[in-house]
């Protein structure tokens, strides 16, 4: 089962909390039709991606067993810190390619199709990405990152990518320089990015 299903209740709780806080501040960050579209898109993409995630983890495990160069000690904090940095670097290239190569933009554009920017928008994901995203994570298998660690790192990265889709968190000072934050991610979503727009 996709790790996404374990965090779905948290996602919906945070959407409700964001909606309530925005209303309290007098902000209109949610529109019913757009929110329903985001949630429906998220449901469809995850229903399709359950199979894709299973295939990806299976293929990853085969590659680690056959080609993994190093043995990682999952009991060490530094292994997790390094693993998360490497996982996020792979995710960066997945995302960047999704904006710079038309074929991949065709898959990623759905995430940028909302006119709103809120936590529900984070759920708008492609149902076709699993066909190619696994290639970007192959270097982790060559480095020997264990399967269990790979899955947990993916879940951590997913949770991080979710919370940056809010308007309720302002600028975060020095963190703006080296982390994806809600404020710089708002700029990212506000731009027309991708070759399809050139």
C-alpha atoms as a PDB file:
ATOM      1  CA  UNK A   1       0.000   0.000   0.000  1.00  0.00           C
ATOM      2  CA  UNK A   2       1.228   3.485  -0.844  1.00  0.00           C
ATOM      3  CA  UNK A   3       2.600   5.475   2.130  1.00  0.00           C
ATOM      4  CA  UNK A   4       0.207   8.211   1.000  1.00  0.00           C
ATOM      5  CA  UNK A   5      -2.699   6.297   2.544  1.00  0.00           C
ATOM      6  CA  UNK A   6      -1.126   6.469   5.988  1.00  0.00           C
ATOM      7  CA  UNK A   7      -1.039  10.248   5.930  1.00  0.00           C
ATOM      8  CA  UNK A   8      -4.408  10.941   4.269  1.00  0.00           C
ATOM      9  CA  UNK A   9      -6.199  11.614   7.589  1.00  0.00           C
ATOM     10  CA  UNK A  10      -3.433  14.058   8.554  1.00  0.00           C
ATOM     11  CA  UNK A  11      -3.726  15.796   5.182  1.00  0.00           C
ATOM     12  CA  UNK A  12      -7.485  16.270   5.555  1.00  0.00           C
ATOM     13  CA  UNK A  13      -7.140  17.443   9.149  1.00  0.00           C
ATOM     14  CA  UNK A  14      -4.570  20.033   8.061  1.00  0.00           C
ATOM     15  CA  UNK A  15      -6.803  21.177   5.187  1.00  0.00           C
ATOM     16  CA  UNK A  16      -9.658  21.723   7.643  1.00  0.00           C
ATOM     17  CA  UNK A  17      -7.334  23.559  10.037  1.00  0.00           C
ATOM     18  CA  UNK A  18      -5.932  25.760   7.250  1.00  0.00           C
ATOM     19  CA  UNK A  19      -9.464  26.564   6.058  1.00  0.00           C
ATOM     20  CA  UNK A  20     -10.581  27.510   9.588  1.00  0.00           C
ATOM     21  CA  UNK A  21      -7.508  29.657  10.254  1.00  0.00           C
ATOM     22  CA  UNK A  22      -7.814  31.404   6.889  1.00  0.00           C
ATOM     23  CA  UNK A  23     -11.479  32.197   7.518  1.00  0.00           C
ATOM     24  CA  UNK A  24     -10.603  33.522  10.957  1.00  0.00           C
ATOM     25  CA  UNK A  25      -8.027  35.849   9.363  1.00  0.00           C
ATOM     26  CA  UNK A  26     -10.549  36.926   6.720  1.00  0.00           C
ATOM     27  CA  UNK A  27      -8.737  35.171   3.876  1.00  0.00           C
ATOM     28  CA  UNK A  28     -10.504  33.298   1.097  1.00  0.00           C
ATOM     29  CA  UNK A  29      -7.977  30.575   0.305  1.00  0.00           C
ATOM     30  CA  UNK A  30     -10.454  27.850  -0.645  1.00  0.00           C
ATOM     31  CA  UNK A  31     -13.152  27.641  -3.296  1.00  0.00           C
ATOM     32  CA  UNK A  32     -15.420  24.604  -3.218  1.00  0.00           C
ATOM     33  CA  UNK A  33     -15.110  23.552  -6.880  1.00  0.00           C
ATOM     34  CA  UNK A  34     -11.343  23.975  -6.960  1.00  0.00           C
ATOM     35  CA  UNK A  35     -10.933  22.082  -3.686  1.00  0.00           C
ATOM     36  CA  UNK A  36     -13.131  19.213  -4.868  1.00  0.00           C
ATOM     37  CA  UNK A  37     -11.085  19.040  -8.069  1.00  0.00           C
ATOM     38  CA  UNK A  38      -7.841  18.925  -6.093  1.00  0.00           C
ATOM     39  CA  UNK A  39      -9.126  16.169  -3.809  1.00  0.00           C
ATOM     40  CA  UNK A  40     -10.558  14.145  -6.695  1.00  0.00           C
ATOM     41  CA  UNK A  41      -7.299  14.458  -8.610  1.00  0.00           C
ATOM     42  CA  UNK A  42      -5.412  13.298  -5.522  1.00  0.00           C
ATOM     43  CA  UNK A  43      -7.682  10.270  -5.132  1.00  0.00           C
ATOM     44  CA  UNK A  44      -7.341   9.272  -8.780  1.00  0.00           C
ATOM     45  CA  UNK A  45      -3.571   9.752  -8.839  1.00  0.00           C
ATOM     46  CA  UNK A  46      -3.077   7.690  -5.696  1.00  0.00           C
ATOM     47  CA  UNK A  47      -5.431   4.941  -6.844  1.00  0.00           C
ATOM     48  CA  UNK A  48      -3.314   4.582  -9.977  1.00  0.00           C
ATOM     49  CA  UNK A  49      -0.008   5.119  -8.192  1.00  0.00           C
ATOM     50  CA  UNK A  50      -0.578   2.307  -5.668  1.00  0.00           C
ATOM     51  CA  UNK A  51       0.397  -0.155  -8.372  1.00  0.00           C
ATOM     52  CA  UNK A  52       3.198   2.110  -9.539  1.00  0.00           C
ATOM     53  CA  UNK A  53       4.588   2.436  -6.003  1.00  0.00           C
ATOM     54  CA  UNK A  54       4.541  -1.325  -5.555  1.00  0.00           C
ATOM     55  CA  UNK A  55       6.381  -1.845  -8.818  1.00  0.00           C
ATOM     56  CA  UNK A  56       8.867   0.936  -7.999  1.00  0.00           C
ATOM     57  CA  UNK A  57       9.699  -0.456  -4.548  1.00  0.00           C
ATOM     58  CA  UNK A  58      10.048  -3.968  -5.978  1.00  0.00           C
ATOM     59  CA  UNK A  59      12.356  -2.772  -8.764  1.00  0.00           C
ATOM     60  CA  UNK A  60      14.300  -0.668  -6.264  1.00  0.00           C
ATOM     61  CA  UNK A  61      14.798  -3.706  -4.015  1.00  0.00           C
ATOM     62  CA  UNK A  62      16.089  -5.744  -6.961  1.00  0.00           C
ATOM     63  CA  UNK A  63      18.560  -2.987  -7.873  1.00  0.00           C
ATOM     64  CA  UNK A  64      19.802  -2.572  -4.280  1.00  0.00           C
ATOM     65  CA  UNK A  65      20.360  -6.325  -3.947  1.00  0.00           C
ATOM     66  CA  UNK A  66      22.123  -6.616  -7.297  1.00  0.00           C
ATOM     67  CA  UNK A  67      24.071  -3.359  -7.558  1.00  0.00           C
ATOM     68  CA  UNK A  68      24.183  -1.650  -4.137  1.00  0.00           C
ATOM     69  CA  UNK A  69      27.770  -0.557  -3.542  1.00  0.00           C
ATOM     70  CA  UNK A  70      27.643   0.268   0.173  1.00  0.00           C
ATOM     71  CA  UNK A  71      26.001  -1.105   3.318  1.00  0.00           C
ATOM     72  CA  UNK A  72      24.062   1.566   5.187  1.00  0.00           C
ATOM     73  CA  UNK A  73      23.567   1.408   8.938  1.00  0.00           C
ATOM     74  CA  UNK A  74      19.974   2.482   9.522  1.00  0.00           C
ATOM     75  CA  UNK A  75      20.647   2.754  13.258  1.00  0.00           C
ATOM     76  CA  UNK A  76      22.858   5.812  12.718  1.00  0.00           C
ATOM     77  CA  UNK A  77      21.308   9.287  12.579  1.00  0.00           C
ATOM     78  CA  UNK A  78      23.885  10.435  10.029  1.00  0.00           C
ATOM     79  CA  UNK A  79      22.689   7.687   7.643  1.00  0.00           C
ATOM     80  CA  UNK A  80      19.176   9.106   7.773  1.00  0.00           C
ATOM     81  CA  UNK A  81      20.364  12.698   7.397  1.00  0.00           C
ATOM     82  CA  UNK A  82      22.546  11.833   4.403  1.00  0.00           C
ATOM     83  CA  UNK A  83      19.822   9.619   2.944  1.00  0.00           C
ATOM     84  CA  UNK A  84      17.259  12.423   3.208  1.00  0.00           C
ATOM     85  CA  UNK A  85      19.580  14.900   1.510  1.00  0.00           C
ATOM     86  CA  UNK A  86      20.254  12.434  -1.311  1.00  0.00           C
ATOM     87  CA  UNK A  87      16.572  11.542  -1.659  1.00  0.00           C
ATOM     88  CA  UNK A  88      15.658  15.215  -1.838  1.00  0.00           C
ATOM     89  CA  UNK A  89      18.362  15.797  -4.466  1.00  0.00           C
ATOM     90  CA  UNK A  90      16.758  13.054  -6.580  1.00  0.00           C
ATOM     91  CA  UNK A  91      13.345  14.648  -6.018  1.00  0.00           C
ATOM     92  CA  UNK A  92      14.776  18.007  -7.123  1.00  0.00           C
ATOM     93  CA  UNK A  93      15.755  16.480 -10.473  1.00  0.00           C
ATOM     94  CA  UNK A  94      12.340  14.805 -10.840  1.00  0.00           C
ATOM     95  CA  UNK A  95      10.689  18.162 -10.268  1.00  0.00           C
ATOM     96  CA  UNK A  96      13.076  20.214 -12.380  1.00  0.00           C
ATOM     97  CA  UNK A  97      12.750  17.797 -15.290  1.00  0.00           C
ATOM     98  CA  UNK A  98       8.988  18.070 -14.878  1.00  0.00           C
ATOM     99  CA  UNK A  99       9.324  21.756 -15.689  1.00  0.00           C
ATOM    100  CA  UNK A 100      12.011  21.681 -18.353  1.00  0.00           C
ATOM    101  CA  UNK A 101      11.127  18.719 -20.564  1.00  0.00           C
ATOM    102  CA  UNK A 102       7.788  18.877 -22.373  1.00  0.00           C
ATOM    103  CA  UNK A 103       7.118  15.151 -22.021  1.00  0.00           C
ATOM    104  CA  UNK A 104       7.515  15.349 -18.234  1.00  0.00           C
ATOM    105  CA  UNK A 105       5.722  18.710 -18.030  1.00  0.00           C
ATOM    106  CA  UNK A 106       2.683  17.004 -19.574  1.00  0.00           C
ATOM    107  CA  UNK A 107       2.620  14.815 -16.466  1.00  0.00           C
ATOM    108  CA  UNK A 108       3.450  17.532 -13.923  1.00  0.00           C
ATOM    109  CA  UNK A 109       1.268  20.356 -15.256  1.00  0.00           C
ATOM    110  CA  UNK A 110      -1.788  19.063 -13.394  1.00  0.00           C
ATOM    111  CA  UNK A 111      -0.111  20.039 -10.128  1.00  0.00           C
ATOM    112  CA  UNK A 112       0.078  23.636 -11.373  1.00  0.00           C
ATOM    113  CA  UNK A 113      -3.445  23.718 -12.811  1.00  0.00           C
ATOM    114  CA  UNK A 114      -5.187  25.181  -9.760  1.00  0.00           C
ATOM    115  CA  UNK A 115      -5.806  28.906  -9.521  1.00  0.00           C
ATOM    116  CA  UNK A 116      -5.698  28.565  -5.735  1.00  0.00           C
ATOM    117  CA  UNK A 117      -2.725  27.875  -3.494  1.00  0.00           C
ATOM    118  CA  UNK A 118      -3.560  25.857  -0.414  1.00  0.00           C
ATOM    119  CA  UNK A 119      -2.958  22.456   1.132  1.00  0.00           C
ATOM    120  CA  UNK A 120      -5.629  20.868  -1.082  1.00  0.00           C
ATOM    121  CA  UNK A 121      -3.630  22.022  -4.121  1.00  0.00           C
ATOM    122  CA  UNK A 122      -0.742  19.849  -2.904  1.00  0.00           C
ATOM    123  CA  UNK A 123      -2.957  16.816  -3.542  1.00  0.00           C
ATOM    124  CA  UNK A 124      -3.194  17.588  -7.279  1.00  0.00           C
ATOM    125  CA  UNK A 125      -0.689  15.068  -8.521  1.00  0.00           C
ATOM    126  CA  UNK A 126      -0.107  13.196 -11.737  1.00  0.00           C
ATOM    127  CA  UNK A 127      -1.431   9.705 -12.304  1.00  0.00           C
ATOM    128  CA  UNK A 128       1.298   9.068 -14.888  1.00  0.00           C
ATOM    129  CA  UNK A 129       4.480  10.025 -13.023  1.00  0.00           C
ATOM    130  CA  UNK A 130       5.188   6.522 -11.757  1.00  0.00           C
ATOM    131  CA  UNK A 131       6.112   5.468 -15.285  1.00  0.00           C
ATOM    132  CA  UNK A 132       9.354   7.445 -15.165  1.00  0.00           C
ATOM    133  CA  UNK A 133      10.069   8.844 -11.681  1.00  0.00           C
ATOM    134  CA  UNK A 134      11.707   5.630 -10.480  1.00  0.00           C
ATOM    135  CA  UNK A 135      14.640   6.267 -12.833  1.00  0.00           C
ATOM    136  CA  UNK A 136      15.586   9.396 -10.886  1.00  0.00           C
ATOM    137  CA  UNK A 137      15.880   7.409  -7.640  1.00  0.00           C
ATOM    138  CA  UNK A 138      18.051   4.638  -9.123  1.00  0.00           C
ATOM    139  CA  UNK A 139      21.264   6.312  -7.852  1.00  0.00           C
ATOM    140  CA  UNK A 140      20.062   5.695  -4.283  1.00  0.00           C
ATOM    141  CA  UNK A 141      19.860   1.971  -4.991  1.00  0.00           C
ATOM    142  CA  UNK A 142      23.370   2.021  -6.450  1.00  0.00           C
ATOM    143  CA  UNK A 143      24.578   3.696  -3.254  1.00  0.00           C
ATOM    144  CA  UNK A 144      22.938   0.863  -1.314  1.00  0.00           C
ATOM    145  CA  UNK A 145      20.250   2.855   0.535  1.00  0.00           C
ATOM    146  CA  UNK A 146      18.128   0.051   2.061  1.00  0.00           C
ATOM    147  CA  UNK A 147      14.562  -0.409   0.804  1.00  0.00           C
ATOM    148  CA  UNK A 148      12.977   0.331   4.188  1.00  0.00           C
ATOM    149  CA  UNK A 149      14.991   3.530   4.490  1.00  0.00           C
ATOM    150  CA  UNK A 150      14.080   4.491   0.902  1.00  0.00           C
ATOM    151  CA  UNK A 151      10.350   4.121   1.674  1.00  0.00           C
ATOM    152  CA  UNK A 152      10.545   6.107   4.930  1.00  0.00           C
ATOM    153  CA  UNK A 153      12.641   8.850   3.289  1.00  0.00           C
ATOM    154  CA  UNK A 154      10.010   9.061   0.549  1.00  0.00           C
ATOM    155  CA  UNK A 155       7.288   9.508   3.158  1.00  0.00           C
ATOM    156  CA  UNK A 156       9.267  12.223   4.960  1.00  0.00           C
ATOM    157  CA  UNK A 157       9.858  14.037   1.663  1.00  0.00           C
ATOM    158  CA  UNK A 158       6.159  13.721   0.779  1.00  0.00           C
ATOM    159  CA  UNK A 159       5.138  15.266   4.098  1.00  0.00           C
ATOM    160  CA  UNK A 160       7.610  18.096   3.637  1.00  0.00           C
ATOM    161  CA  UNK A 161       6.386  18.844   0.117  1.00  0.00           C
ATOM    162  CA  UNK A 162       2.801  18.946   1.408  1.00  0.00           C
ATOM    163  CA  UNK A 163       3.108  21.662   4.045  1.00  0.00           C
ATOM    164  CA  UNK A 164       4.804  24.191   1.743  1.00  0.00           C
ATOM    165  CA  UNK A 165       1.509  24.618  -0.148  1.00  0.00           C
ATOM    166  CA  UNK A 166       0.009  27.119   2.274  1.00  0.00           C
ATOM    167  CA  UNK A 167      -0.523  30.870   2.286  1.00  0.00           C
ATOM    168  CA  UNK A 168      -0.723  31.051   6.066  1.00  0.00           C
ATOM    169  CA  UNK A 169       3.015  30.793   6.750  1.00  0.00           C
ATOM    170  CA  UNK A 170       4.996  33.924   5.954  1.00  0.00           C
ATOM    171  CA  UNK A 171       8.665  34.348   5.148  1.00  0.00           C
ATOM    172  CA  UNK A 172      10.982  32.253   7.297  1.00  0.00           C
ATOM    173  CA  UNK A 173      14.098  34.410   7.411  1.00  0.00           C
ATOM    174  CA  UNK A 174      17.399  32.682   6.731  1.00  0.00           C
ATOM    175  CA  UNK A 175      15.627  29.383   5.871  1.00  0.00           C
ATOM    176  CA  UNK A 176      14.424  31.026   2.654  1.00  0.00           C
ATOM    177  CA  UNK A 177      17.999  30.775   1.354  1.00  0.00           C
ATOM    178  CA  UNK A 178      18.383  26.999   1.465  1.00  0.00           C
ATOM    179  CA  UNK A 179      14.989  25.340   2.013  1.00  0.00           C
ATOM    180  CA  UNK A 180      11.800  25.158   0.030  1.00  0.00           C
ATOM    181  CA  UNK A 181       9.482  27.270   2.162  1.00  0.00           C
ATOM    182  CA  UNK A 182       5.824  28.179   1.734  1.00  0.00           C
ATOM    183  CA  UNK A 183       6.731  31.703   0.596  1.00  0.00           C
ATOM    184  CA  UNK A 184       9.227  30.694  -2.093  1.00  0.00           C
ATOM    185  CA  UNK A 185       6.981  27.826  -3.179  1.00  0.00           C
ATOM    186  CA  UNK A 186       4.137  30.331  -3.648  1.00  0.00           C
ATOM    187  CA  UNK A 187       6.405  32.199  -6.061  1.00  0.00           C
ATOM    188  CA  UNK A 188       7.143  28.930  -7.849  1.00  0.00           C
ATOM    189  CA  UNK A 189       3.424  28.220  -8.293  1.00  0.00           C
ATOM    190  CA  UNK A 190       2.708  31.822  -9.284  1.00  0.00           C
ATOM    191  CA  UNK A 191       5.082  31.678 -12.233  1.00  0.00           C
ATOM    192  CA  UNK A 192       4.247  30.096 -15.547  1.00  0.00           C
ATOM    193  CA  UNK A 193       7.018  27.525 -15.466  1.00  0.00           C
ATOM    194  CA  UNK A 194       7.655  24.835 -18.037  1.00  0.00           C
ATOM    195  CA  UNK A 195       8.465  24.691 -21.705  1.00  0.00           C
ATOM    196  CA  UNK A 196       4.780  24.494 -22.510  1.00  0.00           C
ATOM    197  CA  UNK A 197       4.564  28.166 -21.481  1.00  0.00           C
ATOM    198  CA  UNK A 198       7.531  29.432 -23.489  1.00  0.00           C
END
